[in-house]
């Protein structure tokens, strides 16, 4: 498991990218300090969080709070502009979008 996903305790799912039927229309890369890089593929209903060969799927969360929010059982992903926040309480990680994808 990559150090970044391991530090968040995310379960690994073997993948090189998302399957075609999930039809993600957006793909962005985020740098997370010295912990590495994440790729987020998303559409209006769900998002895939990818690090190396591992991925986790999160589903859109309706909220009045600012930003786009996706979550699964224990992880929340918040997108606001060029900033991604990953929460698995009590842990919180903030990443910045890069041009690398």
PDB file of N, CA and C in Angstrom:
ATOM      1  N   UNK A   1       0.849  -1.167   0.000  1.00  0.00           N
ATOM      2  CA  UNK A   1       0.000   0.000   0.000  1.00  0.00           C
ATOM      3  C   UNK A   1       0.894   1.230   0.000  1.00  0.00           C
ATOM      4  N   UNK A   2       0.492   2.267  -0.690  1.00  0.00           N
ATOM      5  CA  UNK A   2       1.296   3.476  -0.717  1.00  0.00           C
ATOM      6  C   UNK A   2       1.287   4.124   0.659  1.00  0.00           C
ATOM      7  N   UNK A   3       2.367   4.839   1.023  1.00  0.00           N
ATOM      8  CA  UNK A   3       2.431   5.466   2.342  1.00  0.00           C
ATOM      9  C   UNK A   3       1.276   6.441   2.590  1.00  0.00           C
ATOM     10  N   UNK A   4       0.841   7.154   1.552  1.00  0.00           N
ATOM     11  CA  UNK A   4      -0.231   8.129   1.739  1.00  0.00           C
ATOM     12  C   UNK A   4      -1.530   7.446   2.112  1.00  0.00           C
ATOM     13  N   UNK A   5      -1.930   6.431   1.366  1.00  0.00           N
ATOM     14  CA  UNK A   5      -3.164   5.723   1.698  1.00  0.00           C
ATOM     15  C   UNK A   5      -3.025   4.949   2.994  1.00  0.00           C
ATOM     16  N   UNK A   6      -1.840   4.413   3.251  1.00  0.00           N
ATOM     17  CA  UNK A   6      -1.622   3.692   4.502  1.00  0.00           C
ATOM     18  C   UNK A   6      -1.777   4.623   5.698  1.00  0.00           C
ATOM     19  N   UNK A   7      -1.280   5.844   5.571  1.00  0.00           N
ATOM     20  CA  UNK A   7      -1.381   6.793   6.684  1.00  0.00           C
ATOM     21  C   UNK A   7      -2.828   7.171   6.969  1.00  0.00           C
ATOM     22  N   UNK A   8      -3.684   7.068   5.972  1.00  0.00           N
ATOM     23  CA  UNK A   8      -5.100   7.357   6.162  1.00  0.00           C
ATOM     24  C   UNK A   8      -5.892   6.115   6.526  1.00  0.00           C
ATOM     25  N   UNK A   9      -5.257   4.951   6.460  1.00  0.00           N
ATOM     26  CA  UNK A   9      -5.924   3.707   6.804  1.00  0.00           C
ATOM     27  C   UNK A   9      -6.927   3.257   5.768  1.00  0.00           C
ATOM     28  N   UNK A  10      -6.769   3.676   4.518  1.00  0.00           N
ATOM     29  CA  UNK A  10      -7.704   3.275   3.475  1.00  0.00           C
ATOM     30  C   UNK A  10      -7.396   1.870   3.006  1.00  0.00           C
ATOM     31  N   UNK A  11      -8.422   1.083   2.781  1.00  0.00           N
ATOM     32  CA  UNK A  11      -8.241  -0.276   2.294  1.00  0.00           C
ATOM     33  C   UNK A  11      -7.835  -0.252   0.834  1.00  0.00           C
ATOM     34  N   UNK A  12      -6.866  -1.059   0.450  1.00  0.00           N
ATOM     35  CA  UNK A  12      -6.421  -1.060  -0.943  1.00  0.00           C
ATOM     36  C   UNK A  12      -7.386  -1.816  -1.846  1.00  0.00           C
ATOM     37  N   UNK A  13      -7.626  -1.271  -3.011  1.00  0.00           N
ATOM     38  CA  UNK A  13      -8.349  -1.949  -4.077  1.00  0.00           C
ATOM     39  C   UNK A  13      -7.489  -1.829  -5.311  1.00  0.00           C
ATOM     40  N   UNK A  14      -7.061  -2.967  -5.856  1.00  0.00           N
ATOM     41  CA  UNK A  14      -6.163  -2.963  -6.991  1.00  0.00           C
ATOM     42  C   UNK A  14      -6.828  -2.314  -8.188  1.00  0.00           C
ATOM     43  N   UNK A  15      -6.166  -1.300  -8.790  1.00  0.00           N
ATOM     44  CA  UNK A  15      -6.713  -0.620  -9.970  1.00  0.00           C
ATOM     45  C   UNK A  15      -5.637   0.250 -10.583  1.00  0.00           C
ATOM     46  N   UNK A  16      -5.694   0.430 -11.881  1.00  0.00           N
ATOM     47  CA  UNK A  16      -4.804   1.354 -12.579  1.00  0.00           C
ATOM     48  C   UNK A  16      -5.541   2.663 -12.842  1.00  0.00           C
ATOM     49  N   UNK A  17      -6.809   2.651 -12.756  1.00  0.00           N
ATOM     50  CA  UNK A  17      -7.679   3.786 -12.991  1.00  0.00           C
ATOM     51  C   UNK A  17      -9.093   3.290 -12.794  1.00  0.00           C
ATOM     52  N   UNK A  18     -10.039   4.118 -13.075  1.00  0.00           N
ATOM     53  CA  UNK A  18     -11.427   3.739 -12.869  1.00  0.00           C
ATOM     54  C   UNK A  18     -11.980   3.006 -14.082  1.00  0.00           C
ATOM     55  N   UNK A  19     -12.929   2.094 -13.863  1.00  0.00           N
ATOM     56  CA  UNK A  19     -13.537   1.393 -14.990  1.00  0.00           C
ATOM     57  C   UNK A  19     -14.363   2.338 -15.861  1.00  0.00           C
ATOM     58  N   UNK A  20     -14.471   2.039 -17.135  1.00  0.00           N
ATOM     59  CA  UNK A  20     -15.131   2.927 -18.097  1.00  0.00           C
ATOM     60  C   UNK A  20     -16.579   3.198 -17.723  1.00  0.00           C
ATOM     61  N   UNK A  21     -17.259   2.267 -17.107  1.00  0.00           N
ATOM     62  CA  UNK A  21     -18.687   2.450 -16.835  1.00  0.00           C
ATOM     63  C   UNK A  21     -18.959   3.464 -15.727  1.00  0.00           C
ATOM     64  N   UNK A  22     -17.926   3.845 -14.959  1.00  0.00           N
ATOM     65  CA  UNK A  22     -18.147   4.860 -13.938  1.00  0.00           C
ATOM     66  C   UNK A  22     -18.197   6.264 -14.545  1.00  0.00           C
ATOM     67  N   UNK A  23     -17.699   6.419 -15.769  1.00  0.00           N
ATOM     68  CA  UNK A  23     -17.875   7.642 -16.547  1.00  0.00           C
ATOM     69  C   UNK A  23     -17.505   8.919 -15.790  1.00  0.00           C
ATOM     70  N   UNK A  24     -16.269   8.968 -15.280  1.00  0.00           N
ATOM     71  CA  UNK A  24     -15.810  10.178 -14.609  1.00  0.00           C
ATOM     72  C   UNK A  24     -15.469  11.231 -15.643  1.00  0.00           C
ATOM     73  N   UNK A  25     -15.950  12.450 -15.434  1.00  0.00           N
ATOM     74  CA  UNK A  25     -15.695  13.508 -16.413  1.00  0.00           C
ATOM     75  C   UNK A  25     -14.571  14.445 -16.001  1.00  0.00           C
ATOM     76  N   UNK A  26     -14.078  14.308 -14.785  1.00  0.00           N
ATOM     77  CA  UNK A  26     -13.002  15.172 -14.300  1.00  0.00           C
ATOM     78  C   UNK A  26     -11.915  14.323 -13.651  1.00  0.00           C
ATOM     79  N   UNK A  27     -10.662  14.658 -13.944  1.00  0.00           N
ATOM     80  CA  UNK A  27      -9.512  13.956 -13.350  1.00  0.00           C
ATOM     81  C   UNK A  27      -8.483  15.011 -12.964  1.00  0.00           C
ATOM     82  N   UNK A  28      -8.162  15.105 -11.678  1.00  0.00           N
ATOM     83  CA  UNK A  28      -7.201  16.078 -11.168  1.00  0.00           C
ATOM     84  C   UNK A  28      -6.187  15.386 -10.272  1.00  0.00           C
ATOM     85  N   UNK A  29      -4.987  15.957 -10.238  1.00  0.00           N
ATOM     86  CA  UNK A  29      -3.915  15.456  -9.401  1.00  0.00           C
ATOM     87  C   UNK A  29      -3.666  16.452  -8.265  1.00  0.00           C
ATOM     88  N   UNK A  30      -3.387  15.931  -7.065  1.00  0.00           N
ATOM     89  CA  UNK A  30      -3.158  16.769  -5.885  1.00  0.00           C
ATOM     90  C   UNK A  30      -1.878  16.339  -5.193  1.00  0.00           C
ATOM     91  N   UNK A  31      -1.072  17.308  -4.812  1.00  0.00           N
ATOM     92  CA  UNK A  31       0.157  17.041  -4.053  1.00  0.00           C
ATOM     93  C   UNK A  31      -0.156  17.269  -2.584  1.00  0.00           C
ATOM     94  N   UNK A  32       0.229  16.298  -1.776  1.00  0.00           N
ATOM     95  CA  UNK A  32      -0.076  16.320  -0.349  1.00  0.00           C
ATOM     96  C   UNK A  32       1.210  16.438   0.449  1.00  0.00           C
ATOM     97  N   UNK A  33       1.743  17.639   0.540  1.00  0.00           N
ATOM     98  CA  UNK A  33       3.010  17.906   1.239  1.00  0.00           C
ATOM     99  C   UNK A  33       4.063  16.891   0.827  1.00  0.00           C
ATOM    100  N   UNK A  34       4.733  16.299   1.796  1.00  0.00           N
ATOM    101  CA  UNK A  34       5.774  15.317   1.488  1.00  0.00           C
ATOM    102  C   UNK A  34       5.226  13.891   1.497  1.00  0.00           C
ATOM    103  N   UNK A  35       3.918  13.753   1.593  1.00  0.00           N
ATOM    104  CA  UNK A  35       3.295  12.422   1.663  1.00  0.00           C
ATOM    105  C   UNK A  35       3.040  11.808   0.298  1.00  0.00           C
ATOM    106  N   UNK A  36       3.093  12.591  -0.759  1.00  0.00           N
ATOM    107  CA  UNK A  36       2.882  12.017  -2.080  1.00  0.00           C
ATOM    108  C   UNK A  36       1.802  12.731  -2.869  1.00  0.00           C
ATOM    109  N   UNK A  37       1.320  12.056  -3.902  1.00  0.00           N
ATOM    110  CA  UNK A  37       0.345  12.627  -4.820  1.00  0.00           C
ATOM    111  C   UNK A  37      -0.879  11.723  -4.901  1.00  0.00           C
ATOM    112  N   UNK A  38      -2.042  12.336  -4.980  1.00  0.00           N
ATOM    113  CA  UNK A  38      -3.310  11.638  -5.162  1.00  0.00           C
ATOM    114  C   UNK A  38      -3.937  12.074  -6.473  1.00  0.00           C
ATOM    115  N   UNK A  39      -4.688  11.194  -7.096  1.00  0.00           N
ATOM    116  CA  UNK A  39      -5.494  11.539  -8.256  1.00  0.00           C
ATOM    117  C   UNK A  39      -6.948  11.372  -7.846  1.00  0.00           C
ATOM    118  N   UNK A  40      -7.766  12.347  -8.213  1.00  0.00           N
ATOM    119  CA  UNK A  40      -9.196  12.264  -7.951  1.00  0.00           C
ATOM    120  C   UNK A  40      -9.924  12.306  -9.287  1.00  0.00           C
ATOM    121  N   UNK A  41     -10.681  11.261  -9.557  1.00  0.00           N
ATOM    122  CA  UNK A  41     -11.567  11.224 -10.709  1.00  0.00           C
ATOM    123  C   UNK A  41     -12.972  11.381 -10.150  1.00  0.00           C
ATOM    124  N   UNK A  42     -13.795  12.211 -10.791  1.00  0.00           N
ATOM    125  CA  UNK A  42     -15.112  12.443 -10.210  1.00  0.00           C
ATOM    126  C   UNK A  42     -16.154  12.790 -11.258  1.00  0.00           C
ATOM    127  N   UNK A  43     -17.396  12.625 -10.860  1.00  0.00           N
ATOM    128  CA  UNK A  43     -18.545  13.102 -11.612  1.00  0.00           C
ATOM    129  C   UNK A  43     -19.533  13.655 -10.589  1.00  0.00           C
ATOM    130  N   UNK A  44     -20.747  13.913 -10.983  1.00  0.00           N
ATOM    131  CA  UNK A  44     -21.710  14.530 -10.073  1.00  0.00           C
ATOM    132  C   UNK A  44     -22.133  13.599  -8.935  1.00  0.00           C
ATOM    133  N   UNK A  45     -21.962  12.288  -9.084  1.00  0.00           N
ATOM    134  CA  UNK A  45     -22.459  11.334  -8.096  1.00  0.00           C
ATOM    135  C   UNK A  45     -21.396  10.685  -7.225  1.00  0.00           C
ATOM    136  N   UNK A  46     -20.193  10.513  -7.773  1.00  0.00           N
ATOM    137  CA  UNK A  46     -19.167   9.811  -7.005  1.00  0.00           C
ATOM    138  C   UNK A  46     -17.774  10.242  -7.421  1.00  0.00           C
ATOM    139  N   UNK A  47     -16.802   9.823  -6.613  1.00  0.00           N
ATOM    140  CA  UNK A  47     -15.402  10.142  -6.874  1.00  0.00           C
ATOM    141  C   UNK A  47     -14.554   8.916  -6.576  1.00  0.00           C
ATOM    142  N   UNK A  48     -13.449   8.800  -7.289  1.00  0.00           N
ATOM    143  CA  UNK A  48     -12.457   7.753  -7.022  1.00  0.00           C
ATOM    144  C   UNK A  48     -11.185   8.438  -6.560  1.00  0.00           C
ATOM    145  N   UNK A  49     -10.676   8.019  -5.442  1.00  0.00           N
ATOM    146  CA  UNK A  49      -9.428   8.520  -4.877  1.00  0.00           C
ATOM    147  C   UNK A  49      -8.361   7.486  -5.210  1.00  0.00           C
ATOM    148  N   UNK A  50      -7.346   7.881  -6.004  1.00  0.00           N
ATOM    149  CA  UNK A  50      -6.358   6.938  -6.518  1.00  0.00           C
ATOM    150  C   UNK A  50      -4.964   7.349  -6.072  1.00  0.00           C
ATOM    151  N   UNK A  51      -4.221   6.384  -5.561  1.00  0.00           N
ATOM    152  CA  UNK A  51      -2.827   6.596  -5.190  1.00  0.00           C
ATOM    153  C   UNK A  51      -2.062   5.371  -5.639  1.00  0.00           C
ATOM    154  N   UNK A  52      -1.207   5.552  -6.655  1.00  0.00           N
ATOM    155  CA  UNK A  52      -0.496   4.404  -7.212  1.00  0.00           C
ATOM    156  C   UNK A  52      -1.482   3.448  -7.848  1.00  0.00           C
ATOM    157  N   UNK A  53      -1.448   2.188  -7.415  1.00  0.00           N
ATOM    158  CA  UNK A  53      -2.348   1.179  -7.961  1.00  0.00           C
ATOM    159  C   UNK A  53      -3.562   0.944  -7.077  1.00  0.00           C
ATOM    160  N   UNK A  54      -3.792   1.786  -6.106  1.00  0.00           N
ATOM    161  CA  UNK A  54      -4.878   1.606  -5.157  1.00  0.00           C
ATOM    162  C   UNK A  54      -5.926   2.696  -5.314  1.00  0.00           C
ATOM    163  N   UNK A  55      -7.200   2.307  -5.093  1.00  0.00           N
ATOM    164  CA  UNK A  55      -8.272   3.282  -5.222  1.00  0.00           C
ATOM    165  C   UNK A  55      -9.342   3.043  -4.172  1.00  0.00           C
ATOM    166  N   UNK A  56     -10.064   4.116  -3.883  1.00  0.00           N
ATOM    167  CA  UNK A  56     -11.187   4.058  -2.963  1.00  0.00           C
ATOM    168  C   UNK A  56     -12.312   4.877  -3.589  1.00  0.00           C
ATOM    169  N   UNK A  57     -13.530   4.372  -3.515  1.00  0.00           N
ATOM    170  CA  UNK A  57     -14.680   5.060  -4.099  1.00  0.00           C
ATOM    171  C   UNK A  57     -15.461   5.769  -3.005  1.00  0.00           C
ATOM    172  N   UNK A  58     -15.826   7.020  -3.283  1.00  0.00           N
ATOM    173  CA  UNK A  58     -16.621   7.822  -2.357  1.00  0.00           C
ATOM    174  C   UNK A  58     -17.838   8.342  -3.107  1.00  0.00           C
ATOM    175  N   UNK A  59     -18.926   8.591  -2.400  1.00  0.00           N
ATOM    176  CA  UNK A  59     -20.164   9.025  -3.021  1.00  0.00           C
ATOM    177  C   UNK A  59     -20.518  10.444  -2.600  1.00  0.00           C
ATOM    178  N   UNK A  60     -21.154  11.173  -3.490  1.00  0.00           N
ATOM    179  CA  UNK A  60     -21.491  12.586  -3.266  1.00  0.00           C
ATOM    180  C   UNK A  60     -22.335  12.739  -2.021  1.00  0.00           C
ATOM    181  N   UNK A  61     -21.999  13.725  -1.239  1.00  0.00           N
ATOM    182  CA  UNK A  61     -22.690  14.028   0.009  1.00  0.00           C
ATOM    183  C   UNK A  61     -23.354  15.396  -0.139  1.00  0.00           C
ATOM    184  N   UNK A  62     -24.632  15.463   0.066  1.00  0.00           N
ATOM    185  CA  UNK A  62     -25.332  16.743   0.016  1.00  0.00           C
ATOM    186  C   UNK A  62     -25.017  17.528   1.289  1.00  0.00           C
ATOM    187  N   UNK A  63     -24.655  18.801   1.113  1.00  0.00           N
ATOM    188  CA  UNK A  63     -24.284  19.628   2.252  1.00  0.00           C
ATOM    189  C   UNK A  63     -24.430  21.097   1.893  1.00  0.00           C
ATOM    190  N   UNK A  64     -24.768  21.913   2.879  1.00  0.00           N
ATOM    191  CA  UNK A  64     -24.814  23.357   2.690  1.00  0.00           C
ATOM    192  C   UNK A  64     -23.440  23.988   2.900  1.00  0.00           C
ATOM    193  N   UNK A  65     -22.496  23.215   3.396  1.00  0.00           N
ATOM    194  CA  UNK A  65     -21.135  23.713   3.617  1.00  0.00           C
ATOM    195  C   UNK A  65     -20.467  23.967   2.260  1.00  0.00           C
ATOM    196  N   UNK A  66     -19.477  24.853   2.216  1.00  0.00           N
ATOM    197  CA  UNK A  66     -18.810  25.156   0.938  1.00  0.00           C
ATOM    198  C   UNK A  66     -18.028  23.971   0.391  1.00  0.00           C
ATOM    199  N   UNK A  67     -17.939  23.895  -0.936  1.00  0.00           N
ATOM    200  CA  UNK A  67     -17.163  22.870  -1.613  1.00  0.00           C
ATOM    201  C   UNK A  67     -17.990  21.656  -1.999  1.00  0.00           C
ATOM    202  N   UNK A  68     -17.373  20.821  -2.825  1.00  0.00           N
ATOM    203  CA  UNK A  68     -17.970  19.537  -3.192  1.00  0.00           C
ATOM    204  C   UNK A  68     -17.522  18.516  -2.171  1.00  0.00           C
ATOM    205  N   UNK A  69     -18.442  17.691  -1.714  1.00  0.00           N
ATOM    206  CA  UNK A  69     -18.132  16.713  -0.673  1.00  0.00           C
ATOM    207  C   UNK A  69     -18.513  15.313  -1.131  1.00  0.00           C
ATOM    208  N   UNK A  70     -17.586  14.398  -0.908  1.00  0.00           N
ATOM    209  CA  UNK A  70     -17.808  12.988  -1.206  1.00  0.00           C
ATOM    210  C   UNK A  70     -17.403  12.210   0.032  1.00  0.00           C
ATOM    211  N   UNK A  71     -18.052  11.051   0.272  1.00  0.00           N
ATOM    212  CA  UNK A  71     -17.667  10.249   1.442  1.00  0.00           C
ATOM    213  C   UNK A  71     -17.996   8.789   1.239  1.00  0.00           C
ATOM    214  N   UNK A  72     -17.284   7.963   1.992  1.00  0.00           N
ATOM    215  CA  UNK A  72     -17.656   6.561   2.128  1.00  0.00           C
ATOM    216  C   UNK A  72     -17.856   6.323   3.622  1.00  0.00           C
ATOM    217  N   UNK A  73     -17.775   5.100   4.084  1.00  0.00           N
ATOM    218  CA  UNK A  73     -18.090   4.809   5.484  1.00  0.00           C
ATOM    219  C   UNK A  73     -17.296   5.623   6.490  1.00  0.00           C
ATOM    220  N   UNK A  74     -16.008   5.865   6.219  1.00  0.00           N
ATOM    221  CA  UNK A  74     -15.182   6.523   7.231  1.00  0.00           C
ATOM    222  C   UNK A  74     -14.305   7.654   6.716  1.00  0.00           C
ATOM    223  N   UNK A  75     -14.398   7.979   5.433  1.00  0.00           N
ATOM    224  CA  UNK A  75     -13.544   9.012   4.848  1.00  0.00           C
ATOM    225  C   UNK A  75     -14.384  10.056   4.136  1.00  0.00           C
ATOM    226  N   UNK A  76     -14.018  11.311   4.305  1.00  0.00           N
ATOM    227  CA  UNK A  76     -14.682  12.410   3.600  1.00  0.00           C
ATOM    228  C   UNK A  76     -13.642  13.141   2.761  1.00  0.00           C
ATOM    229  N   UNK A  77     -14.001  13.467   1.532  1.00  0.00           N
ATOM    230  CA  UNK A  77     -13.160  14.222   0.616  1.00  0.00           C
ATOM    231  C   UNK A  77     -13.894  15.532   0.329  1.00  0.00           C
ATOM    232  N   UNK A  78     -13.216  16.658   0.530  1.00  0.00           N
ATOM    233  CA  UNK A  78     -13.818  17.976   0.305  1.00  0.00           C
ATOM    234  C   UNK A  78     -12.972  18.713  -0.723  1.00  0.00           C
ATOM    235  N   UNK A  79     -13.607  19.171  -1.787  1.00  0.00           N
ATOM    236  CA  UNK A  79     -12.930  19.937  -2.832  1.00  0.00           C
ATOM    237  C   UNK A  79     -13.412  21.374  -2.791  1.00  0.00           C
ATOM    238  N   UNK A  80     -12.465  22.303  -2.644  1.00  0.00           N
ATOM    239  CA  UNK A  80     -12.753  23.744  -2.674  1.00  0.00           C
ATOM    240  C   UNK A  80     -11.683  24.408  -3.512  1.00  0.00           C
ATOM    241  N   UNK A  81     -12.038  24.774  -4.745  1.00  0.00           N
ATOM    242  CA  UNK A  81     -11.061  25.388  -5.640  1.00  0.00           C
ATOM    243  C   UNK A  81      -9.929  24.424  -5.912  1.00  0.00           C
ATOM    244  N   UNK A  82      -8.686  24.864  -5.645  1.00  0.00           N
ATOM    245  CA  UNK A  82      -7.501  24.031  -5.872  1.00  0.00           C
ATOM    246  C   UNK A  82      -7.104  23.226  -4.639  1.00  0.00           C
ATOM    247  N   UNK A  83      -7.945  23.206  -3.623  1.00  0.00           N
ATOM    248  CA  UNK A  83      -7.612  22.534  -2.367  1.00  0.00           C
ATOM    249  C   UNK A  83      -8.491  21.302  -2.160  1.00  0.00           C
ATOM    250  N   UNK A  84      -7.853  20.215  -1.778  1.00  0.00           N
ATOM    251  CA  UNK A  84      -8.536  18.978  -1.425  1.00  0.00           C
ATOM    252  C   UNK A  84      -8.263  18.718   0.046  1.00  0.00           C
ATOM    253  N   UNK A  85      -9.295  18.438   0.797  1.00  0.00           N
ATOM    254  CA  UNK A  85      -9.132  18.050   2.193  1.00  0.00           C
ATOM    255  C   UNK A  85      -9.653  16.635   2.335  1.00  0.00           C
ATOM    256  N   UNK A  86      -8.855  15.783   2.932  1.00  0.00           N
ATOM    257  CA  UNK A  86      -9.218  14.401   3.181  1.00  0.00           C
ATOM    258  C   UNK A  86      -9.347  14.247   4.684  1.00  0.00           C
ATOM    259  N   UNK A  87     -10.507  13.788   5.129  1.00  0.00           N
ATOM    260  CA  UNK A  87     -10.747  13.617   6.561  1.00  0.00           C
ATOM    261  C   UNK A  87     -11.050  12.168   6.875  1.00  0.00           C
ATOM    262  N   UNK A  88     -10.331  11.657   7.803  1.00  0.00           N
ATOM    263  CA  UNK A  88     -10.654  10.388   8.453  1.00  0.00           C
ATOM    264  C   UNK A  88     -10.370  10.654   9.916  1.00  0.00           C
ATOM    265  N   UNK A  89     -11.383  11.208  10.573  1.00  0.00           N
ATOM    266  CA  UNK A  89     -11.200  11.765  11.910  1.00  0.00           C
ATOM    267  C   UNK A  89     -10.595  10.757  12.861  1.00  0.00           C
ATOM    268  N   UNK A  90      -9.640  11.199  13.647  1.00  0.00           N
ATOM    269  CA  UNK A  90      -9.236  12.576  13.897  1.00  0.00           C
ATOM    270  C   UNK A  90      -8.196  13.105  12.910  1.00  0.00           C
ATOM    271  N   UNK A  91      -7.847  12.340  11.897  1.00  0.00           N
ATOM    272  CA  UNK A  91      -6.814  12.759  10.950  1.00  0.00           C
ATOM    273  C   UNK A  91      -7.410  13.629   9.848  1.00  0.00           C
ATOM    274  N   UNK A  92      -6.673  14.667   9.463  1.00  0.00           N
ATOM    275  CA  UNK A  92      -7.075  15.552   8.374  1.00  0.00           C
ATOM    276  C   UNK A  92      -5.835  15.871   7.547  1.00  0.00           C
ATOM    277  N   UNK A  93      -5.959  15.758   6.210  1.00  0.00           N
ATOM    278  CA  UNK A  93      -4.857  16.000   5.293  1.00  0.00           C
ATOM    279  C   UNK A  93      -5.328  16.989   4.243  1.00  0.00           C
ATOM    280  N   UNK A  94      -4.525  18.033   3.991  1.00  0.00           N
ATOM    281  CA  UNK A  94      -4.862  19.024   2.979  1.00  0.00           C
ATOM    282  C   UNK A  94      -3.850  18.919   1.835  1.00  0.00           C
ATOM    283  N   UNK A  95      -4.370  18.914   0.608  1.00  0.00           N
ATOM    284  CA  UNK A  95      -3.539  18.765  -0.591  1.00  0.00           C
ATOM    285  C   UNK A  95      -3.879  19.886  -1.572  1.00  0.00           C
ATOM    286  N   UNK A  96      -2.945  20.163  -2.489  1.00  0.00           N
ATOM    287  CA  UNK A  96      -3.113  21.236  -3.470  1.00  0.00           C
ATOM    288  C   UNK A  96      -3.056  20.666  -4.879  1.00  0.00           C
ATOM    289  N   UNK A  97      -3.973  21.125  -5.729  1.00  0.00           N
ATOM    290  CA  UNK A  97      -4.022  20.626  -7.115  1.00  0.00           C
ATOM    291  C   UNK A  97      -2.759  20.971  -7.858  1.00  0.00           C
ATOM    292  N   UNK A  98      -2.301  20.022  -8.686  1.00  0.00           N
ATOM    293  CA  UNK A  98      -1.136  20.232  -9.530  1.00  0.00           C
ATOM    294  C   UNK A  98      -1.554  20.047 -10.982  1.00  0.00           C
ATOM    295  N   UNK A  99      -0.663  20.345 -11.901  1.00  0.00           N
ATOM    296  CA  UNK A  99      -0.943  20.153 -13.327  1.00  0.00           C
ATOM    297  C   UNK A  99      -0.660  18.725 -13.770  1.00  0.00           C
ATOM    298  N   UNK A 100      -0.034  17.932 -12.912  1.00  0.00           N
ATOM    299  CA  UNK A 100       0.314  16.543 -13.253  1.00  0.00           C
ATOM    300  C   UNK A 100      -0.918  15.657 -13.145  1.00  0.00           C
ATOM    301  N   UNK A 101      -1.196  14.900 -14.187  1.00  0.00           N
ATOM    302  CA  UNK A 101      -2.260  13.890 -14.105  1.00  0.00           C
ATOM    303  C   UNK A 101      -1.795  12.661 -14.832  1.00  0.00           C
TER     304      UNK A 101
END
